[in-house]
Protein backbone atom coordinates (compact mmCIF):
# COMPACT_ATOMS: atom_id res chain seq x y z
CA MET A 1 67.34 34.48 -116.16
CA ASP A 2 67.15 32.43 -112.98
CA THR A 3 70.24 30.54 -111.87
CA LYS A 4 69.66 26.88 -111.14
CA TRP A 5 71.93 26.15 -108.20
CA VAL A 6 73.66 22.80 -107.76
CA ALA A 7 75.13 21.08 -104.71
CA ALA A 8 78.88 21.45 -104.34
CA ALA A 9 78.89 19.56 -101.03
CA THR A 10 76.68 18.01 -98.40
CA ALA A 11 77.53 18.66 -94.77
CA ASP A 12 76.41 16.69 -91.72
CA ASN A 13 75.13 19.76 -89.92
CA GLU A 14 74.64 23.51 -90.10
CA PHE A 15 78.02 24.31 -88.54
CA ALA A 16 79.96 22.28 -91.13
CA ALA A 17 77.82 23.67 -93.97
CA THR A 18 78.50 27.22 -92.81
CA LEU A 19 82.25 26.60 -92.79
CA LEU A 20 82.17 25.19 -96.32
CA ARG A 21 79.97 28.01 -97.59
CA ASP A 22 82.25 30.63 -96.02
CA ILE A 23 85.33 29.06 -97.62
CA LEU A 24 83.68 29.24 -101.03
CA VAL A 25 82.45 32.81 -100.55
CA ASP A 26 85.91 33.89 -99.34
CA SER A 27 87.29 32.31 -102.54
CA GLY A 28 84.96 34.45 -104.65
CA ILE A 29 82.32 31.80 -105.36
CA PRO A 30 78.75 32.79 -104.49
CA ALA A 31 77.25 30.03 -102.35
CA PHE A 32 74.38 29.43 -99.97
CA ILE A 33 73.16 26.70 -97.65
CA GLU A 34 70.06 24.72 -98.52
CA SER A 35 68.58 22.89 -95.57
CA SER A 36 66.70 19.64 -95.80
CA ALA A 37 63.01 19.91 -96.68
CA THR A 38 62.38 17.51 -93.81
CA ALA A 39 63.99 19.89 -91.33
CA THR A 40 61.84 22.74 -92.59
CA PHE A 41 58.63 20.73 -92.70
CA LEU A 42 59.08 19.11 -89.29
CA GLN A 43 60.72 22.20 -87.78
CA VAL A 44 63.57 20.01 -86.58
CA ALA A 45 66.66 21.78 -85.30
CA SER A 46 68.59 22.58 -88.46
CA ALA A 47 71.86 22.29 -86.56
CA LEU A 48 71.42 18.51 -86.55
CA MET A 49 70.22 17.94 -90.12
CA PRO A 50 72.29 17.42 -93.28
CA MET A 51 72.57 20.53 -95.42
CA ARG A 52 73.74 21.16 -98.96
CA VAL A 53 76.13 23.91 -99.99
CA MET A 54 74.83 25.27 -103.29
CA VAL A 55 76.70 27.07 -106.09
CA ALA A 56 75.96 28.12 -109.67
CA PRO A 57 76.56 25.28 -112.16
CA GLU A 58 79.32 27.16 -113.97
CA ARG A 59 81.29 27.40 -110.68
CA LEU A 60 80.75 23.78 -109.58
CA ALA A 61 84.10 22.36 -110.74
CA GLU A 62 85.98 25.25 -109.15
CA ALA A 63 84.02 24.91 -105.90
CA LYS A 64 84.64 21.17 -105.70
CA ALA A 65 88.36 21.69 -106.31
CA ILE A 66 88.57 24.23 -103.49
CA LEU A 67 86.64 22.00 -101.10
CA ALA A 68 88.84 19.01 -102.04
CA GLU A 69 91.93 21.04 -101.11
CA VAL A 70 90.35 21.94 -97.77
CA GLU A 71 89.51 18.29 -97.11
CA GLU A 72 93.06 17.25 -98.01
CA VAL A 73 94.51 19.74 -95.53
CA ALA A 74 92.02 18.66 -92.86
CA ASP A 75 93.05 15.02 -93.35
CA THR A 76 96.77 15.75 -92.94
CA PRO A 77 98.04 14.45 -89.57
CA ASP A 78 99.34 17.12 -87.20
CA ASP A 79 102.82 15.58 -87.04
CA VAL A 80 103.44 15.78 -90.81
CA ASP A 81 105.67 18.61 -91.99
CA THR A 82 103.91 20.21 -94.98
CA ASP A 83 106.56 22.92 -95.56
CA ASP A 84 108.60 22.47 -98.72
């Protein structure tokens, strides 16, 4: 049975997509990067094109929760004490 992958996130470029994919994989969620069809067709530098981070549908909610936590931490100002 083939898995139909779904987008857990869209990143602005290959670097950001790789970071998100690696976070998911390190969390035990299989993930891969799907580049834009336009980038492939036009052979445009993939580093500058939006890319989707794909996961299996049954792991989508978990993946989005993990990525939301990462985004929350990234949005925390440096001068805020997060220790409890």
